[in-house]
Each structure stands twice: as structure tokens, then as C-alpha cells.
Amino acid sequence: MPSREPDGVLGLGPAELAAYELLLGRPPASLVELDPEWTRPEPLADLLAKLEDRSLVTCVPGGSAPQYRAIAPAVAFDALLAEYEERLDHARRHTGTLDAAYQARPTTRDTSTVVEVVTGQRAVRQRLLQIKRSARGHVAILTKPPHAADPDSDRGPLARGVTCRAIYDRAAIEHPGALSTVEQLIHHGQQARVLPDLPANLYLADDKIAALPLQRHQPATDAIILIHPSALLDALTKLFETLWHRALPLHPPPTTSDPEPQRLITLLLSGLTDEAIAHQLGLSHRTVQRRVAKLMADLGAHTRFQAGVQAALYRMRQG
């Protein structure tokens, strides 16, 4: 499959951008001097004329032929950025006007629009990405297998300052490397908790829309249900809040010189088995058993439950 040529920058096509880059880092040069270095099929003279019209290139007299020189990028592209920012502001204002008209529509909602079914992996990905990009205040997530945490996708709302709370099914963090992925998201600001068994995957955005898989045992990428403002959406929001209060916190990645005891406590609080903990820490089952026993002895606990409770109380006192 042929590789796709990268898009241009700020309205410049790939050929125009290549012509501009040809002039960078060199003294003024004539078309005759530049032409041997030009490898694209587009006429270089036409491209330089377009760049001159956009004030990205200047043409000055020199010798027997005009000399072309690139305007400094910080100066040349600043004007283009200002132009695009103005267009973006206009688009935002227009979107606000459209949204106001939408919100002012009659409140009697057609029941067929409350629940929306989206099928097909591409359509599902597009809608989920649209929902995540549109979140402005807060998102709430339930995650269980076969769905897993997606640091690249879930980091977007966090980068915009959106409050993100996630509850992970214990099985979702049992796989090797899963806890590390969750810790990345916690590091970027996600508030994370864990429960032994979640009812379903769920994504709530701004109390305006919810997304959950259509099929119980299939990945959310195949088909999803979107729930718009309704009593059903209110019920899903209350379900999340109830589960959130029951869930155990997952703490930020340890920053001490010996982080393993803290990670061990986190995994114990999550309710993971010794075998699952061994996978997460990259240790043998027997080594984990020894370290759990030592931790329990250090805490004066006779059971894993007591160790978890005492560790949680200690963290509360430290926090």
C-alpha cells in the first residue's frame, strides 16, 4: 500500500511547504540556482510566486536574475496563525449559536432520539472520539474486559483540564502491564478506583451523553449504545456515583527510592491474587507470597484484609 503524503501546514500544500523549506537556511538564490535541487513535479516558479503572494517569500533584484529568500518562519507563520485563530474563534461562536438554537427547541423529546445505536468499528471509533473531544467539565468511566484503558485516547480530556474519574474492574488490571497503563493516566490527573466486578463498560461525558457496549461480551469497538439526556441517563449517572463510593482508590505511582512496597499495598487493596500481583511486579509467585507475608508482619496484620485496611488507614493519615 503506497505511503500517504503528509498534509501541509496552515493552508500550505505539501508542494508549497517543500518550496519554502528549500529556501530555508541558505542565502538568496535565483530560480536557476534552485531548480537543480527541486525534485517534485510541480513547477517551482509557480510555487514561489504563490509563496510571495502570501508574504512567505520575498523576491529581490540581484545579478542577472531575481533572488528568492524565505521570510523568517516566526514572522511568516505568525500572520497565518492569527488568521487561523480568527477563523477558529468565528467557528466557535457560530457553533455556540447553533447549540443555543438546539437547546431552545421544544422540550418534548422524541423517544426514538433518547437511545442511539452505532455499529461498525470505524463509526464507533469516530463517535467515541467525538464524545471525548467534546467533554468540557467532567467524564466518568467504568472499565472492564474486554475493554482496556487507552492512555492515548483518555489523556485528551485530561490535557484540557477535564475532571476524569475512572473505576476499573479488578480483572482489567490483572493482566501484565495493565497497572502501569493505569498509573500513567493517574500521573496525568485521572482519579482511579477499583471494584471486584463492574456491571458493564460505560463512558459518561458532562452528564449529557453516555456510551456503553451494545453486546455484553463483545468489545465496545463493534457496536455501542448512546444515551442522550433522559431518565435513563440520570440512572446511569447515579449508578456510577454509587459504584464510585464503594470502590477502593488506586493511588499515584510511587516516587520513593523503594516503590515496591507501595505498589504491593496498592495491588493488595485492589484485591488481586498473589499470582496476578506477581504478573504486575514481574516477580515469581513464591517471591510475592514471601513479600506479602513480610508486609503483613510489618503491619501486625493476621489476614490480607487486615493488611489492606491498615495500609489504607496509614495512607489516609499520610494524605
C-alpha atoms as a PDB file:
ATOM      1  CA  MET A   1       0.000   0.000   0.000  1.00  0.00           C
ATOM      2  CA  PRO A   2       1.607   3.346  -1.002  1.00  0.00           C
ATOM      3  CA  SER A   3       2.509   5.688   1.838  1.00  0.00           C
ATOM      4  CA  ARG A   4       0.323   8.758   2.209  1.00  0.00           C
ATOM      5  CA  GLU A   5       1.984  12.119   1.667  1.00  0.00           C
ATOM      6  CA  PRO A   6       1.811  14.259   4.817  1.00  0.00           C
ATOM      7  CA  ASP A   7      -0.620  17.172   4.839  1.00  0.00           C
ATOM      8  CA  GLY A   8       0.622  20.708   4.553  1.00  0.00           C
ATOM      9  CA  VAL A   9       0.796  23.324   7.300  1.00  0.00           C
ATOM     10  CA  LEU A  10      -1.585  26.256   7.876  1.00  0.00           C
ATOM     11  CA  GLY A  11      -3.120  26.098   4.441  1.00  0.00           C
ATOM     12  CA  LEU A  12       0.111  25.381   2.587  1.00  0.00           C
ATOM     13  CA  GLY A  13       0.036  22.285   0.410  1.00  0.00           C
ATOM     14  CA  PRO A  14       2.908  19.777   0.553  1.00  0.00           C
ATOM     15  CA  ALA A  15       4.491  21.231  -2.607  1.00  0.00           C
ATOM     16  CA  GLU A  16       4.332  24.826  -1.324  1.00  0.00           C
ATOM     17  CA  LEU A  17       5.787  23.762   2.010  1.00  0.00           C
ATOM     18  CA  ALA A  18       8.610  21.903   0.234  1.00  0.00           C
ATOM     19  CA  ALA A  19       9.405  25.003  -1.816  1.00  0.00           C
ATOM     20  CA  TYR A  20       9.502  27.152   1.322  1.00  0.00           C
ATOM     21  CA  GLU A  21      11.782  24.651   3.091  1.00  0.00           C
ATOM     22  CA  LEU A  22      14.103  24.674   0.052  1.00  0.00           C
ATOM     23  CA  LEU A  23      14.856  28.347   0.741  1.00  0.00           C
ATOM     24  CA  LEU A  24      15.445  27.956   4.472  1.00  0.00           C
ATOM     25  CA  GLY A  25      18.999  28.024   5.784  1.00  0.00           C
ATOM     26  CA  ARG A  26      20.522  29.418   2.607  1.00  0.00           C
ATOM     27  CA  PRO A  27      21.319  32.844   1.169  1.00  0.00           C
ATOM     28  CA  PRO A  28      19.064  34.361  -1.514  1.00  0.00           C
ATOM     29  CA  ALA A  29      19.126  32.262  -4.682  1.00  0.00           C
ATOM     30  CA  SER A  30      17.786  32.567  -8.211  1.00  0.00           C
ATOM     31  CA  LEU A  31      15.361  30.151  -9.830  1.00  0.00           C
ATOM     32  CA  VAL A  32      18.235  28.803 -11.953  1.00  0.00           C
ATOM     33  CA  GLU A  33      20.225  28.007  -8.801  1.00  0.00           C
ATOM     34  CA  LEU A  34      17.265  26.431  -7.030  1.00  0.00           C
ATOM     35  CA  ASP A  35      15.897  24.383  -9.897  1.00  0.00           C
ATOM     36  CA  PRO A  36      18.559  21.596  -9.830  1.00  0.00           C
ATOM     37  CA  GLU A  37      17.653  20.871  -6.211  1.00  0.00           C
ATOM     38  CA  TRP A  38      13.912  20.737  -6.883  1.00  0.00           C
ATOM     39  CA  THR A  39      12.757  17.123  -7.216  1.00  0.00           C
ATOM     40  CA  ARG A  40       8.983  17.481  -7.233  1.00  0.00           C
ATOM     41  CA  PRO A  41       6.907  17.557 -10.445  1.00  0.00           C
ATOM     42  CA  GLU A  42       5.208  20.886  -9.657  1.00  0.00           C
ATOM     43  CA  PRO A  43       6.751  23.950 -11.363  1.00  0.00           C
ATOM     44  CA  LEU A  44       8.960  25.663  -8.790  1.00  0.00           C
ATOM     45  CA  ALA A  45       8.409  29.115 -10.321  1.00  0.00           C
ATOM     46  CA  ASP A  46       4.631  28.885  -9.803  1.00  0.00           C
ATOM     47  CA  LEU A  47       5.075  27.783  -6.198  1.00  0.00           C
ATOM     48  CA  LEU A  48       7.498  30.597  -5.391  1.00  0.00           C
ATOM     49  CA  ALA A  49       5.036  33.097  -6.888  1.00  0.00           C
ATOM     50  CA  LYS A  50       2.289  31.755  -4.608  1.00  0.00           C
ATOM     51  CA  LEU A  51       4.565  31.939  -1.573  1.00  0.00           C
ATOM     52  CA  GLU A  52       5.461  35.516  -2.464  1.00  0.00           C
ATOM     53  CA  ASP A  53       1.761  36.395  -2.670  1.00  0.00           C
ATOM     54  CA  ARG A  54       1.314  35.014   0.840  1.00  0.00           C
ATOM     55  CA  SER A  55       4.311  37.006   2.155  1.00  0.00           C
ATOM     56  CA  LEU A  56       6.277  33.865   2.936  1.00  0.00           C
ATOM     57  CA  VAL A  57       8.983  34.546   0.355  1.00  0.00           C
ATOM     58  CA  THR A  58      10.486  37.776  -0.855  1.00  0.00           C
ATOM     59  CA  CYS A  59      11.983  38.365  -4.309  1.00  0.00           C
ATOM     60  CA  VAL A  60      14.797  40.892  -4.579  1.00  0.00           C
ATOM     61  CA  PRO A  61      16.805  42.073  -7.613  1.00  0.00           C
ATOM     62  CA  GLY A  62      20.235  40.551  -7.922  1.00  0.00           C
ATOM     63  CA  GLY A  63      22.708  39.941 -10.707  1.00  0.00           C
ATOM     64  CA  SER A  64      21.120  38.668 -13.886  1.00  0.00           C
ATOM     65  CA  ALA A  65      18.025  37.191 -12.220  1.00  0.00           C
ATOM     66  CA  PRO A  66      15.750  37.875  -9.230  1.00  0.00           C
ATOM     67  CA  GLN A  67      16.826  36.291  -5.949  1.00  0.00           C
ATOM     68  CA  TYR A  68      14.362  34.471  -3.689  1.00  0.00           C
ATOM     69  CA  ARG A  69      14.674  34.498   0.079  1.00  0.00           C
ATOM     70  CA  ALA A  70      12.470  32.884   2.733  1.00  0.00           C
ATOM     71  CA  ILE A  71      10.881  35.156   5.317  1.00  0.00           C
ATOM     72  CA  ALA A  72      11.752  34.051   8.871  1.00  0.00           C
ATOM     73  CA  PRO A  73       9.198  31.406   9.980  1.00  0.00           C
ATOM     74  CA  ALA A  74       8.438  33.226  13.253  1.00  0.00           C
ATOM     75  CA  VAL A  75       7.350  36.248  11.208  1.00  0.00           C
ATOM     76  CA  ALA A  76       5.852  34.499   8.184  1.00  0.00           C
ATOM     77  CA  PHE A  77       3.718  31.979  10.015  1.00  0.00           C
ATOM     78  CA  ASP A  78       2.623  34.312  12.790  1.00  0.00           C
ATOM     79  CA  ALA A  79       0.269  36.058  10.372  1.00  0.00           C
ATOM     80  CA  LEU A  80      -1.098  32.705   9.181  1.00  0.00           C
ATOM     81  CA  LEU A  81      -1.631  31.589  12.787  1.00  0.00           C
ATOM     82  CA  ALA A  82      -3.509  34.791  13.556  1.00  0.00           C
ATOM     83  CA  GLU A  83      -5.711  34.219  10.507  1.00  0.00           C
ATOM     84  CA  TYR A  84      -6.493  30.646  11.546  1.00  0.00           C
ATOM     85  CA  GLU A  85      -7.164  31.686  15.158  1.00  0.00           C
ATOM     86  CA  GLU A  86      -9.656  34.257  13.879  1.00  0.00           C
ATOM     87  CA  ARG A  87     -11.394  31.573  11.786  1.00  0.00           C
ATOM     88  CA  LEU A  88     -11.426  29.207  14.754  1.00  0.00           C
ATOM     89  CA  ASP A  89     -12.976  31.862  17.015  1.00  0.00           C
ATOM     90  CA  HIS A  90     -15.610  32.525  14.363  1.00  0.00           C
ATOM     91  CA  ALA A  91     -16.359  28.793  14.106  1.00  0.00           C
ATOM     92  CA  ARG A  92     -16.696  28.546  17.888  1.00  0.00           C
ATOM     93  CA  ARG A  93     -19.081  31.492  18.016  1.00  0.00           C
ATOM     94  CA  HIS A  94     -21.151  30.018  15.210  1.00  0.00           C
ATOM     95  CA  THR A  95     -21.201  26.638  16.950  1.00  0.00           C
ATOM     96  CA  GLY A  96     -22.393  28.372  20.122  1.00  0.00           C
ATOM     97  CA  THR A  97     -25.227  29.988  18.158  1.00  0.00           C
ATOM     98  CA  LEU A  98     -26.232  26.640  16.669  1.00  0.00           C
ATOM     99  CA  ASP A  99     -26.087  24.965  20.078  1.00  0.00           C
ATOM    100  CA  ALA A 100     -28.257  27.696  21.606  1.00  0.00           C
ATOM    101  CA  ALA A 101     -30.850  27.107  18.883  1.00  0.00           C
ATOM    102  CA  TYR A 102     -30.670  23.378  19.540  1.00  0.00           C
ATOM    103  CA  GLN A 103     -31.138  23.835  23.291  1.00  0.00           C
ATOM    104  CA  ALA A 104     -34.093  26.176  22.674  1.00  0.00           C
ATOM    105  CA  ARG A 105     -36.009  23.559  20.695  1.00  0.00           C
ATOM    106  CA  PRO A 106     -39.287  22.231  22.159  1.00  0.00           C
ATOM    107  CA  THR A 107     -38.585  20.151  25.251  1.00  0.00           C
ATOM    108  CA  THR A 108     -40.839  17.302  24.224  1.00  0.00           C
ATOM    109  CA  ARG A 109     -38.260  14.788  23.042  1.00  0.00           C
ATOM    110  CA  ASP A 110     -38.963  12.097  20.534  1.00  0.00           C
ATOM    111  CA  THR A 111     -38.293   8.889  22.447  1.00  0.00           C
ATOM    112  CA  SER A 112     -36.541   7.471  19.393  1.00  0.00           C
ATOM    113  CA  THR A 113     -33.726  10.015  19.861  1.00  0.00           C
ATOM    114  CA  VAL A 114     -33.018   9.126  23.501  1.00  0.00           C
ATOM    115  CA  VAL A 115     -31.187   5.928  22.587  1.00  0.00           C
ATOM    116  CA  GLU A 116     -28.896   5.809  19.548  1.00  0.00           C
ATOM    117  CA  VAL A 117     -27.238   2.650  18.254  1.00  0.00           C
ATOM    118  CA  VAL A 118     -23.898   2.974  16.438  1.00  0.00           C
ATOM    119  CA  THR A 119     -22.451  -0.044  14.655  1.00  0.00           C
ATOM    120  CA  GLY A 120     -19.216  -0.698  12.775  1.00  0.00           C
ATOM    121  CA  GLN A 121     -15.729  -0.241  14.174  1.00  0.00           C
ATOM    122  CA  ARG A 122     -14.968   2.927  12.208  1.00  0.00           C
ATOM    123  CA  ALA A 123     -18.251   4.632  13.116  1.00  0.00           C
ATOM    124  CA  VAL A 124     -17.857   3.603  16.762  1.00  0.00           C
ATOM    125  CA  ARG A 125     -14.307   4.966  16.958  1.00  0.00           C
ATOM    126  CA  GLN A 126     -15.386   8.256  15.389  1.00  0.00           C
ATOM    127  CA  ARG A 127     -18.312   8.746  17.780  1.00  0.00           C
ATOM    128  CA  LEU A 128     -16.297   7.859  20.877  1.00  0.00           C
ATOM    129  CA  LEU A 129     -13.527  10.220  19.808  1.00  0.00           C
ATOM    130  CA  GLN A 130     -16.117  12.927  19.174  1.00  0.00           C
ATOM    131  CA  ILE A 131     -17.586  12.439  22.655  1.00  0.00           C
ATOM    132  CA  LYS A 132     -14.161  12.568  24.318  1.00  0.00           C
ATOM    133  CA  ARG A 133     -13.165  15.696  22.403  1.00  0.00           C
ATOM    134  CA  SER A 134     -16.421  17.455  23.242  1.00  0.00           C
ATOM    135  CA  ALA A 135     -16.170  16.852  27.014  1.00  0.00           C
ATOM    136  CA  ARG A 136     -15.616  20.131  28.825  1.00  0.00           C
ATOM    137  CA  GLY A 137     -16.391  19.601  32.529  1.00  0.00           C
ATOM    138  CA  HIS A 138     -16.047  16.002  33.645  1.00  0.00           C
ATOM    139  CA  VAL A 139     -16.102  12.429  32.431  1.00  0.00           C
ATOM    140  CA  ALA A 140     -16.836   9.218  34.318  1.00  0.00           C
ATOM    141  CA  ILE A 141     -15.658   5.806  33.131  1.00  0.00           C
ATOM    142  CA  LEU A 142     -16.329   2.190  34.012  1.00  0.00           C
ATOM    143  CA  THR A 143     -13.733  -0.167  32.529  1.00  0.00           C
ATOM    144  CA  LYS A 144     -13.820  -3.950  32.422  1.00  0.00           C
ATOM    145  CA  PRO A 145     -12.524  -6.606  29.994  1.00  0.00           C
ATOM    146  CA  PRO A 146     -12.517  -6.934  27.044  1.00  0.00           C
ATOM    147  CA  HIS A 147     -12.179  -3.149  27.032  1.00  0.00           C
ATOM    148  CA  ALA A 148      -8.941  -1.781  28.488  1.00  0.00           C
ATOM    149  CA  ALA A 149      -7.573   1.608  29.460  1.00  0.00           C
ATOM    150  CA  ASP A 150      -6.381   3.639  26.496  1.00  0.00           C
ATOM    151  CA  PRO A 151      -3.742   6.147  27.681  1.00  0.00           C
ATOM    152  CA  ASP A 152      -3.538   7.947  24.331  1.00  0.00           C
ATOM    153  CA  SER A 153      -7.279   8.418  23.966  1.00  0.00           C
ATOM    154  CA  ASP A 154      -8.143   9.060  27.619  1.00  0.00           C
ATOM    155  CA  ARG A 155      -5.329  11.567  28.065  1.00  0.00           C
ATOM    156  CA  GLY A 156      -7.027  14.068  25.731  1.00  0.00           C
ATOM    157  CA  PRO A 157      -9.719  15.284  28.159  1.00  0.00           C
ATOM    158  CA  LEU A 158      -7.140  15.369  30.979  1.00  0.00           C
ATOM    159  CA  ALA A 159      -4.893  17.637  28.915  1.00  0.00           C
ATOM    160  CA  ARG A 160      -7.809  20.090  28.554  1.00  0.00           C
ATOM    161  CA  GLY A 161      -8.349  20.192  32.315  1.00  0.00           C
ATOM    162  CA  VAL A 162     -11.422  17.956  32.269  1.00  0.00           C
ATOM    163  CA  THR A 163     -12.029  16.121  35.554  1.00  0.00           C
ATOM    164  CA  CYS A 164     -11.790  12.385  34.870  1.00  0.00           C
ATOM    165  CA  ARG A 165     -12.892   9.639  37.276  1.00  0.00           C
ATOM    166  CA  ALA A 166     -12.450   6.004  36.329  1.00  0.00           C
ATOM    167  CA  ILE A 167     -13.450   2.790  38.069  1.00  0.00           C
ATOM    168  CA  TYR A 168     -11.598  -0.317  36.929  1.00  0.00           C
ATOM    169  CA  ASP A 169     -12.865  -3.843  37.191  1.00  0.00           C
ATOM    170  CA  ARG A 170     -10.288  -5.875  39.089  1.00  0.00           C
ATOM    171  CA  ALA A 171      -9.911  -8.163  36.069  1.00  0.00           C
ATOM    172  CA  ALA A 172      -8.979  -5.132  33.937  1.00  0.00           C
ATOM    173  CA  ILE A 173      -5.781  -4.527  35.921  1.00  0.00           C
ATOM    174  CA  GLU A 174      -4.774  -8.157  36.438  1.00  0.00           C
ATOM    175  CA  HIS A 175      -3.055  -8.507  33.062  1.00  0.00           C
ATOM    176  CA  PRO A 176       0.709  -7.824  32.892  1.00  0.00           C
ATOM    177  CA  GLY A 177       1.416  -4.144  32.308  1.00  0.00           C
ATOM    178  CA  ALA A 178      -2.191  -3.055  32.895  1.00  0.00           C
ATOM    179  CA  LEU A 179      -1.422  -1.355  36.205  1.00  0.00           C
ATOM    180  CA  SER A 180       1.410   0.594  34.581  1.00  0.00           C
ATOM    181  CA  THR A 181      -1.043   1.902  31.970  1.00  0.00           C
ATOM    182  CA  VAL A 182      -3.460   2.999  34.682  1.00  0.00           C
ATOM    183  CA  GLU A 183      -0.624   4.638  36.609  1.00  0.00           C
ATOM    184  CA  GLN A 184       0.223   6.702  33.514  1.00  0.00           C
ATOM    185  CA  LEU A 185      -3.314   8.071  33.484  1.00  0.00           C
ATOM    186  CA  ILE A 186      -3.213   8.734  37.242  1.00  0.00           C
ATOM    187  CA  HIS A 187       0.043  10.616  36.709  1.00  0.00           C
ATOM    188  CA  HIS A 188      -1.770  12.847  34.181  1.00  0.00           C
ATOM    189  CA  GLY A 189      -4.576  13.588  36.645  1.00  0.00           C
ATOM    190  CA  GLN A 190      -7.086  10.767  36.404  1.00  0.00           C
ATOM    191  CA  GLN A 191      -8.805   9.784  39.657  1.00  0.00           C
ATOM    192  CA  ALA A 192      -8.893   5.987  39.649  1.00  0.00           C
ATOM    193  CA  ARG A 193     -10.608   3.383  41.798  1.00  0.00           C
ATOM    194  CA  VAL A 194     -11.152  -0.377  41.584  1.00  0.00           C
ATOM    195  CA  LEU A 195     -14.010  -2.816  42.282  1.00  0.00           C
ATOM    196  CA  PRO A 196     -14.089  -6.609  42.079  1.00  0.00           C
ATOM    197  CA  ASP A 197     -16.836  -6.780  39.451  1.00  0.00           C
ATOM    198  CA  LEU A 198     -18.358  -3.998  37.366  1.00  0.00           C
ATOM    199  CA  PRO A 199     -21.700  -4.443  35.568  1.00  0.00           C
ATOM    200  CA  ALA A 200     -20.559  -3.012  32.215  1.00  0.00           C
ATOM    201  CA  ASN A 201     -18.234  -0.640  30.397  1.00  0.00           C
ATOM    202  CA  LEU A 202     -19.523   2.921  30.484  1.00  0.00           C
ATOM    203  CA  TYR A 203     -18.379   6.376  29.369  1.00  0.00           C
ATOM    204  CA  LEU A 204     -20.258   9.428  30.702  1.00  0.00           C
ATOM    205  CA  ALA A 205     -19.469  12.938  29.476  1.00  0.00           C
ATOM    206  CA  ASP A 206     -20.703  16.119  31.189  1.00  0.00           C
ATOM    207  CA  ASP A 207     -23.979  14.424  32.226  1.00  0.00           C
ATOM    208  CA  LYS A 208     -25.043  14.954  28.610  1.00  0.00           C
ATOM    209  CA  ILE A 209     -24.317  11.625  26.974  1.00  0.00           C
ATOM    210  CA  ALA A 210     -23.385   8.074  27.917  1.00  0.00           C
ATOM    211  CA  ALA A 211     -21.830   5.349  25.780  1.00  0.00           C
ATOM    212  CA  LEU A 212     -21.845   1.647  26.566  1.00  0.00           C
ATOM    213  CA  PRO A 213     -21.386  -1.555  24.545  1.00  0.00           C
ATOM    214  CA  LEU A 214     -24.403  -2.973  22.751  1.00  0.00           C
ATOM    215  CA  GLN A 215     -23.421  -6.587  23.456  1.00  0.00           C
ATOM    216  CA  ARG A 216     -22.461  -7.800  26.902  1.00  0.00           C
ATOM    217  CA  HIS A 217     -19.452  -9.913  25.973  1.00  0.00           C
ATOM    218  CA  GLN A 218     -18.168  -8.114  22.850  1.00  0.00           C
ATOM    219  CA  PRO A 219     -15.629  -5.268  22.606  1.00  0.00           C
ATOM    220  CA  ALA A 220     -17.083  -1.762  22.640  1.00  0.00           C
ATOM    221  CA  THR A 221     -15.480  -1.168  19.246  1.00  0.00           C
ATOM    222  CA  ASP A 222     -18.094  -3.342  17.469  1.00  0.00           C
ATOM    223  CA  ALA A 223     -21.319  -1.581  18.472  1.00  0.00           C
ATOM    224  CA  ILE A 224     -22.322   0.922  21.141  1.00  0.00           C
ATOM    225  CA  ILE A 225     -25.452   2.487  22.568  1.00  0.00           C
ATOM    226  CA  LEU A 226     -25.507   6.251  23.096  1.00  0.00           C
ATOM    227  CA  ILE A 227     -27.873   7.553  25.775  1.00  0.00           C
ATOM    228  CA  HIS A 228     -28.927  11.183  25.489  1.00  0.00           C
ATOM    229  CA  PRO A 229     -30.466  13.320  28.298  1.00  0.00           C
ATOM    230  CA  SER A 230     -33.264  11.273  29.815  1.00  0.00           C
ATOM    231  CA  ALA A 231     -34.262   9.369  32.934  1.00  0.00           C
ATOM    232  CA  LEU A 232     -32.076   6.521  31.686  1.00  0.00           C
ATOM    233  CA  LEU A 233     -29.024   8.814  31.549  1.00  0.00           C
ATOM    234  CA  ASP A 234     -29.805  10.040  35.069  1.00  0.00           C
ATOM    235  CA  ALA A 235     -29.954   6.429  36.262  1.00  0.00           C
ATOM    236  CA  LEU A 236     -26.570   5.625  34.710  1.00  0.00           C
ATOM    237  CA  THR A 237     -25.075   8.697  36.358  1.00  0.00           C
ATOM    238  CA  LYS A 238     -26.403   7.621  39.756  1.00  0.00           C
ATOM    239  CA  LEU A 239     -25.109   4.100  39.143  1.00  0.00           C
ATOM    240  CA  PHE A 240     -21.616   5.460  38.605  1.00  0.00           C
ATOM    241  CA  GLU A 241     -21.768   7.597  41.745  1.00  0.00           C
ATOM    242  CA  THR A 242     -22.910   4.609  43.820  1.00  0.00           C
ATOM    243  CA  LEU A 243     -20.078   2.459  42.489  1.00  0.00           C
ATOM    244  CA  TRP A 244     -17.580   5.280  42.993  1.00  0.00           C
ATOM    245  CA  HIS A 245     -18.355   5.491  46.716  1.00  0.00           C
ATOM    246  CA  ARG A 246     -17.953   1.725  47.067  1.00  0.00           C
ATOM    247  CA  ALA A 247     -14.693   1.475  45.117  1.00  0.00           C
ATOM    248  CA  LEU A 248     -11.174   1.429  46.575  1.00  0.00           C
ATOM    249  CA  PRO A 249      -8.777   4.181  45.459  1.00  0.00           C
ATOM    250  CA  LEU A 250      -5.823   3.454  43.210  1.00  0.00           C
ATOM    251  CA  HIS A 251      -3.021   5.782  44.267  1.00  0.00           C
ATOM    252  CA  PRO A 252      -0.451   7.634  42.144  1.00  0.00           C
ATOM    253  CA  PRO A 253       2.709   5.772  41.124  1.00  0.00           C
ATOM    254  CA  PRO A 254       5.216   5.619  43.995  1.00  0.00           C
ATOM    255  CA  THR A 255       8.049   8.141  43.919  1.00  0.00           C
ATOM    256  CA  THR A 256      10.162   6.766  46.772  1.00  0.00           C
ATOM    257  CA  SER A 257      13.540   5.112  46.312  1.00  0.00           C
ATOM    258  CA  ASP A 258      11.910   1.763  47.140  1.00  0.00           C
ATOM    259  CA  PRO A 259       8.500   1.897  45.390  1.00  0.00           C
ATOM    260  CA  GLU A 260       7.754  -1.833  45.501  1.00  0.00           C
ATOM    261  CA  PRO A 261       6.131  -1.951  48.990  1.00  0.00           C
ATOM    262  CA  GLN A 262       3.773   0.880  47.982  1.00  0.00           C
ATOM    263  CA  ARG A 263       2.847  -0.877  44.742  1.00  0.00           C
ATOM    264  CA  LEU A 264       2.320  -4.092  46.676  1.00  0.00           C
ATOM    265  CA  ILE A 265      -0.075  -2.288  49.005  1.00  0.00           C
ATOM    266  CA  THR A 266      -1.932  -0.805  46.012  1.00  0.00           C
ATOM    267  CA  LEU A 267      -2.327  -4.246  44.474  1.00  0.00           C
ATOM    268  CA  LEU A 268      -3.448  -5.775  47.784  1.00  0.00           C
ATOM    269  CA  LEU A 269      -6.052  -3.035  48.174  1.00  0.00           C
ATOM    270  CA  SER A 270      -7.227  -3.822  44.641  1.00  0.00           C
ATOM    271  CA  GLY A 271      -7.983  -7.369  45.744  1.00  0.00           C
ATOM    272  CA  LEU A 272      -5.633  -9.027  43.267  1.00  0.00           C
ATOM    273  CA  THR A 273      -4.440 -12.564  43.867  1.00  0.00           C
ATOM    274  CA  ASP A 274      -0.777 -13.307  44.557  1.00  0.00           C
ATOM    275  CA  GLU A 275      -0.479 -14.695  41.045  1.00  0.00           C
ATOM    276  CA  ALA A 276      -1.873 -11.533  39.464  1.00  0.00           C
ATOM    277  CA  ILE A 277       0.390  -9.399  41.664  1.00  0.00           C
ATOM    278  CA  ALA A 278       3.378 -11.465  40.533  1.00  0.00           C
ATOM    279  CA  HIS A 279       2.499 -10.716  36.889  1.00  0.00           C
ATOM    280  CA  GLN A 280       2.254  -6.986  37.604  1.00  0.00           C
ATOM    281  CA  LEU A 281       5.538  -6.776  39.509  1.00  0.00           C
ATOM    282  CA  GLY A 282       7.441  -9.203  37.281  1.00  0.00           C
ATOM    283  CA  LEU A 283       8.185 -11.500  40.218  1.00  0.00           C
ATOM    284  CA  SER A 284       7.678 -15.181  40.907  1.00  0.00           C
ATOM    285  CA  HIS A 285       4.577 -16.363  42.729  1.00  0.00           C
ATOM    286  CA  ARG A 286       6.661 -17.554  45.683  1.00  0.00           C
ATOM    287  CA  THR A 287       8.524 -14.233  45.951  1.00  0.00           C
ATOM    288  CA  VAL A 288       5.244 -12.358  46.106  1.00  0.00           C
ATOM    289  CA  GLN A 289       3.957 -14.688  48.808  1.00  0.00           C
ATOM    290  CA  ARG A 290       7.077 -14.006  50.889  1.00  0.00           C
ATOM    291  CA  ARG A 291       6.773 -10.242  50.464  1.00  0.00           C
ATOM    292  CA  VAL A 292       3.059 -10.229  51.267  1.00  0.00           C
ATOM    293  CA  ALA A 293       3.822 -12.242  54.421  1.00  0.00           C
ATOM    294  CA  LYS A 294       6.563  -9.748  55.392  1.00  0.00           C
ATOM    295  CA  LEU A 295       4.266  -6.794  54.766  1.00  0.00           C
ATOM    296  CA  MET A 296       1.558  -8.369  56.926  1.00  0.00           C
ATOM    297  CA  ALA A 297       4.114  -8.954  59.690  1.00  0.00           C
ATOM    298  CA  ASP A 298       5.367  -5.347  59.470  1.00  0.00           C
ATOM    299  CA  LEU A 299       1.769  -4.091  59.748  1.00  0.00           C
ATOM    300  CA  GLY A 300       0.897  -6.526  62.537  1.00  0.00           C
ATOM    301  CA  ALA A 301      -1.916  -7.958  60.398  1.00  0.00           C
ATOM    302  CA  HIS A 302      -3.109 -11.557  60.560  1.00  0.00           C
ATOM    303  CA  THR A 303      -5.042 -11.548  57.267  1.00  0.00           C
ATOM    304  CA  ARG A 304      -4.703  -9.872  53.867  1.00  0.00           C
ATOM    305  CA  PHE A 305      -7.882  -7.934  54.610  1.00  0.00           C
ATOM    306  CA  GLN A 306      -6.402  -6.523  57.819  1.00  0.00           C
ATOM    307  CA  ALA A 307      -3.211  -5.621  55.959  1.00  0.00           C
ATOM    308  CA  GLY A 308      -5.209  -3.767  53.317  1.00  0.00           C
ATOM    309  CA  VAL A 309      -7.297  -1.899  55.896  1.00  0.00           C
ATOM    310  CA  GLN A 310      -4.257  -0.885  57.938  1.00  0.00           C
ATOM    311  CA  ALA A 311      -2.402   0.228  54.817  1.00  0.00           C
ATOM    312  CA  ALA A 312      -5.412   2.261  53.708  1.00  0.00           C
ATOM    313  CA  LEU A 313      -5.689   3.930  57.127  1.00  0.00           C
ATOM    314  CA  TYR A 314      -1.972   4.704  57.045  1.00  0.00           C
ATOM    315  CA  ARG A 315      -2.366   6.341  53.634  1.00  0.00           C
ATOM    316  CA  MET A 316      -5.307   8.379  54.882  1.00  0.00           C
ATOM    317  CA  ARG A 317      -3.194   9.661  57.788  1.00  0.00           C
ATOM    318  CA  GLN A 318      -0.338  10.490  55.406  1.00  0.00           C
ATOM    319  CA  GLY A 319      -2.682  12.255  52.978  1.00  0.00           C
END
